Amino acid sequence: MLTAAIAGVVDHPCINHHSLEMTLVYAKITDRVVADAYASVCEQIDALYATANTPGALPAEIETAAMTRLRQESHARMLGNGMCTRPVELDCRMEAICETCAYFETGPEFVAVLLRQRDHARAHRQTDRAKLYDTLITTAEATPS
């Protein structure tokens, strides 16, 4: 939307150039133009969200399936070795033992960290913890990236 607003200034019919590069030689998009276009887009977005039945969601006729999935996943919190997908509304009592929580998710991008954690557990003779990390590493390596 912002690009379209700025493009409207540059593509004005009075400016009859064959390329954007030529127009840029003569036209200057000022910070004020960008700020005004950004403010206009923000107002339009705020108005859309204000009409939604669910706070933080777009009206159903506007929100695509991909946007819905992203909104639902946006509450996930990044951990050092995975993601916490616990809904924000739920209280967390796990604190520092996320790896045993049903909402913990990990993947191939976290294998290096999990390996270090497993090796640390082995070095400190924490066999149960080392087994847990072995399981997480196996799961992470089997997860498509």
Protein backbone atom coordinates (compact mmCIF):
# COMPACT_ATOMS: atom_id res chain seq x y z
CA MET A 1 0.00 0.00 0.00
CA LEU A 2 2.80 2.37 0.89
CA THR A 3 4.61 1.58 -2.35
CA ALA A 4 1.40 2.21 -4.26
CA ALA A 5 0.94 5.57 -2.55
CA ILE A 6 4.46 6.67 -3.45
CA ALA A 7 4.18 5.16 -6.94
CA GLY A 8 1.10 7.32 -7.45
CA VAL A 9 3.22 10.42 -6.96
CA VAL A 10 5.92 9.20 -9.33
CA ASP A 11 3.54 7.78 -11.97
CA HIS A 12 1.49 10.95 -12.24
CA PRO A 13 0.26 11.39 -15.87
CA CYS A 14 2.11 14.71 -16.16
CA ILE A 15 5.39 12.86 -15.67
CA ASN A 16 5.61 10.94 -18.96
CA HIS A 17 8.93 9.11 -18.58
CA HIS A 18 9.56 5.64 -19.92
CA SER A 19 11.44 4.47 -16.84
CA LEU A 20 11.43 5.11 -13.11
CA GLU A 21 15.15 5.89 -13.25
CA MET A 22 14.51 8.87 -15.55
CA THR A 23 11.73 10.12 -13.28
CA LEU A 24 14.04 9.89 -10.29
CA VAL A 25 16.44 12.28 -11.99
CA TYR A 26 13.75 14.98 -11.86
CA ALA A 27 11.45 13.94 -9.01
CA LYS A 28 12.41 13.83 -5.37
CA ILE A 29 10.37 11.82 -2.91
CA THR A 30 10.81 13.71 0.34
CA ASP A 31 10.65 12.30 3.84
CA ARG A 32 7.38 14.19 4.24
CA VAL A 33 5.81 12.37 1.26
CA VAL A 34 6.91 9.01 2.64
CA ALA A 35 5.71 9.92 6.16
CA ASP A 36 2.32 11.08 4.85
CA ALA A 37 1.89 7.92 2.76
CA TYR A 38 2.89 5.76 5.74
CA ALA A 39 0.44 7.59 8.03
CA SER A 40 -2.34 7.13 5.47
CA VAL A 41 -1.67 3.39 5.21
CA CYS A 42 -1.54 3.05 9.01
CA GLU A 43 -4.92 4.77 9.31
CA GLN A 44 -6.41 2.39 6.73
CA ILE A 45 -5.01 -0.64 8.54
CA ASP A 46 -6.23 0.62 11.93
CA ALA A 47 -9.69 1.13 10.44
CA LEU A 48 -9.71 -2.47 9.16
CA TYR A 49 -8.72 -3.86 12.55
CA ALA A 50 -11.34 -1.69 14.27
CA THR A 51 -14.10 -3.42 12.26
CA ALA A 52 -13.02 -6.96 13.26
CA ASN A 53 -15.04 -9.06 15.70
CA THR A 54 -11.88 -10.53 17.25
CA PRO A 55 -9.36 -8.10 18.78
CA GLY A 56 -6.06 -8.25 16.89
CA ALA A 57 -7.58 -9.94 13.86
CA LEU A 58 -8.71 -8.64 10.52
CA PRO A 59 -12.33 -9.05 9.40
CA ALA A 60 -12.87 -12.57 8.04
CA GLU A 61 -13.56 -11.35 4.50
CA ILE A 62 -10.13 -9.65 4.35
CA GLU A 63 -7.88 -12.04 6.25
CA THR A 64 -6.42 -14.78 4.04
CA ALA A 65 -5.64 -18.29 5.28
CA ALA A 66 -1.93 -17.46 5.37
CA MET A 67 -2.59 -14.30 7.40
CA THR A 68 -4.73 -16.30 9.86
CA ARG A 69 -1.96 -18.87 10.31
CA LEU A 70 0.63 -16.15 10.90
CA ARG A 71 -1.61 -14.38 13.43
CA GLN A 72 -2.14 -17.64 15.30
CA GLU A 73 1.60 -18.38 15.30
CA SER A 74 2.64 -14.85 16.25
CA HIS A 75 2.34 -15.58 19.95
CA ALA A 76 5.15 -18.18 19.81
CA ARG A 77 8.17 -17.13 21.80
CA MET A 78 11.70 -17.92 20.65
CA LEU A 79 13.76 -19.94 23.08
CA GLY A 80 17.44 -20.78 22.83
CA ASN A 81 16.68 -24.26 21.54
CA GLY A 82 13.18 -24.05 20.11
CA MET A 83 9.86 -22.24 20.28
CA CYS A 84 7.25 -21.97 23.02
CA THR A 85 3.85 -22.21 21.33
CA ARG A 86 1.82 -21.95 24.53
CA PRO A 87 -1.13 -19.59 23.95
CA VAL A 88 -0.60 -16.25 25.66
CA GLU A 89 -3.82 -16.70 27.62
CA LEU A 90 -2.41 -19.75 29.44
CA ASP A 91 -0.18 -19.36 32.45
CA CYS A 92 3.21 -21.10 32.27
CA ARG A 93 4.47 -23.00 35.27
CA MET A 94 7.37 -24.65 33.45
CA GLU A 95 9.71 -21.63 33.53
CA ALA A 96 13.13 -23.22 32.98
CA ILE A 97 12.13 -26.73 31.87
CA CYS A 98 10.50 -25.90 28.55
CA GLU A 99 11.91 -28.99 26.84
CA THR A 100 9.45 -31.21 28.74
CA CYS A 101 6.41 -29.03 27.97
CA ALA A 102 3.83 -30.14 25.41
CA TYR A 103 4.00 -26.67 23.80
CA PHE A 104 7.75 -26.88 23.14
CA GLU A 105 8.70 -27.16 19.46
CA THR A 106 12.16 -27.48 17.98
CA GLY A 107 13.61 -28.02 14.52
CA PRO A 108 16.80 -28.50 12.51
CA GLU A 109 17.89 -24.88 13.07
CA PHE A 110 18.30 -25.64 16.79
CA VAL A 111 20.31 -28.91 16.52
CA ALA A 112 23.67 -27.23 17.26
CA VAL A 113 22.32 -25.75 20.50
CA LEU A 114 20.66 -29.02 21.49
CA LEU A 115 23.93 -30.89 20.89
CA ARG A 116 25.79 -28.50 23.19
CA GLN A 117 23.11 -28.87 25.84
CA ARG A 118 23.25 -32.67 25.58
CA ASP A 119 27.04 -32.65 25.83
CA HIS A 120 26.83 -30.39 28.88
CA ALA A 121 24.38 -32.80 30.52
CA ARG A 122 26.69 -35.74 29.78
CA ALA A 123 29.72 -33.88 31.15
CA HIS A 124 27.82 -33.29 34.38
CA ARG A 125 26.55 -36.89 34.54
CA GLN A 126 22.92 -35.85 34.13
CA THR A 127 21.82 -38.97 32.24
CA ASP A 128 18.06 -38.24 32.23
CA ARG A 129 18.69 -34.76 30.86
CA ALA A 130 21.11 -36.16 28.24
CA LYS A 131 18.42 -38.68 27.13
CA LEU A 132 15.89 -35.86 26.84
CA TYR A 133 18.25 -33.91 24.57
CA ASP A 134 18.97 -37.05 22.51
CA THR A 135 15.22 -37.36 21.91
CA LEU A 136 14.91 -33.68 21.03
CA ILE A 137 17.88 -33.90 18.62
CA THR A 138 16.34 -36.92 16.88
CA THR A 139 13.01 -35.09 16.57
CA ALA A 140 14.66 -31.89 15.34
CA GLU A 141 16.73 -33.69 12.72
CA ALA A 142 13.62 -35.49 11.45
CA THR A 143 11.66 -32.25 11.16
CA PRO A 144 11.62 -30.76 7.64
CA SER A 145 13.19 -27.29 7.57
